[in-house]
Protein backbone atom coordinates (compact mmCIF):
# COMPACT_ATOMS: atom_id res chain seq x y z
CA MET A 1 -29.74 -31.42 46.80
CA SER A 2 -28.04 -28.45 48.42
CA PHE A 3 -25.02 -26.66 46.96
CA SER A 4 -22.50 -24.57 48.84
CA PRO A 5 -22.34 -20.87 47.85
CA PHE A 6 -19.17 -21.56 45.86
CA GLN A 7 -20.79 -24.44 43.99
CA ARG A 8 -23.90 -22.37 43.26
CA ARG A 9 -21.87 -19.54 41.84
CA PHE A 10 -19.55 -21.69 39.73
CA LYS A 11 -21.79 -24.49 38.57
CA SER A 12 -20.55 -25.99 35.37
CA ARG A 13 -22.53 -24.56 32.53
CA ARG A 14 -23.15 -26.13 29.21
CA PRO A 15 -21.07 -24.53 26.51
CA ARG A 16 -22.96 -22.12 24.31
CA ARG A 17 -24.18 -23.67 21.10
CA LEU A 18 -22.31 -22.56 18.04
CA GLY A 19 -24.24 -20.59 15.49
CA PRO A 20 -24.12 -21.55 11.82
CA ARG A 21 -21.38 -19.00 11.11
CA ASP A 22 -19.21 -20.30 13.95
CA GLN A 23 -19.77 -23.92 12.92
CA ILE A 24 -18.70 -23.25 9.34
CA LEU A 25 -15.63 -21.30 10.42
CA ARG A 26 -14.64 -24.03 12.88
CA GLU A 27 -14.95 -26.69 10.20
CA TRP A 28 -13.12 -24.60 7.60
CA ARG A 29 -10.24 -23.64 9.93
CA GLY A 30 -10.09 -27.00 11.64
CA VAL A 31 -10.06 -25.38 15.07
CA ASP A 32 -12.48 -23.48 17.29
CA VAL A 33 -10.94 -20.04 17.79
CA ARG A 34 -13.65 -18.60 20.05
CA ALA A 35 -11.66 -19.47 23.17
CA LEU A 36 -8.50 -17.92 21.71
CA GLU A 37 -10.33 -14.75 20.72
CA LYS A 38 -11.81 -14.51 24.19
CA THR A 39 -8.45 -14.84 25.96
CA HIS A 40 -6.58 -12.42 23.72
CA GLY A 41 -9.31 -9.82 23.74
CA SER A 42 -9.52 -6.89 21.42
CA LYS A 43 -6.19 -5.26 20.64
CA SER A 44 -7.62 -2.63 18.33
CA TYR A 45 -7.35 1.08 18.98
CA SER A 46 -9.52 3.86 17.63
CA ALA A 47 -8.00 6.23 15.09
CA GLY A 48 -8.65 9.17 17.40
CA ALA A 49 -6.62 7.62 20.20
CA VAL A 50 -3.72 6.83 17.86
CA VAL A 51 -3.64 10.35 16.39
CA LYS A 52 -3.83 11.92 19.84
CA ASN A 53 -0.86 9.84 21.06
CA VAL A 54 1.18 10.57 17.92
CA LEU A 55 0.58 14.31 18.18
CA ALA A 56 1.54 14.25 21.85
CA ALA A 57 4.73 12.34 21.04
CA LEU A 58 5.72 14.76 18.26
CA GLN A 59 5.04 17.81 20.46
CA LEU A 60 3.94 19.87 17.47
CA ASP A 61 2.38 22.58 19.66
CA ARG A 62 5.70 23.25 21.41
CA ARG A 63 7.60 23.29 18.12
CA ARG A 64 5.10 25.71 16.54
CA ALA A 65 5.38 28.05 19.53
CA GLU A 66 9.19 27.97 19.35
CA THR A 67 9.08 28.72 15.62
CA GLU A 68 6.81 31.71 16.20
CA VAL A 69 9.18 33.06 18.86
CA VAL A 70 12.15 32.71 16.49
CA LYS A 71 10.24 34.48 13.68
CA VAL A 72 9.30 37.40 15.95
CA TRP A 73 12.83 37.60 17.36
CA ASN A 74 14.37 37.81 13.88
CA GLN A 75 12.09 40.65 12.72
């Protein structure tokens, strides 16, 4: 039996067997959330990225430099 290149690439695969943890969670929740987790992906951000963005938004470096200029000017 010969398959076209498209059929070879996208043959239907058996779904992956659920592990014991996944089976218990599916039974407890009443729904299999693996597909939902896969489509939504990971929305988490690292703390370093969040702090970097917050500091950039606050522009603390610019404010500190302006404060130093004002202090020197007033002396």
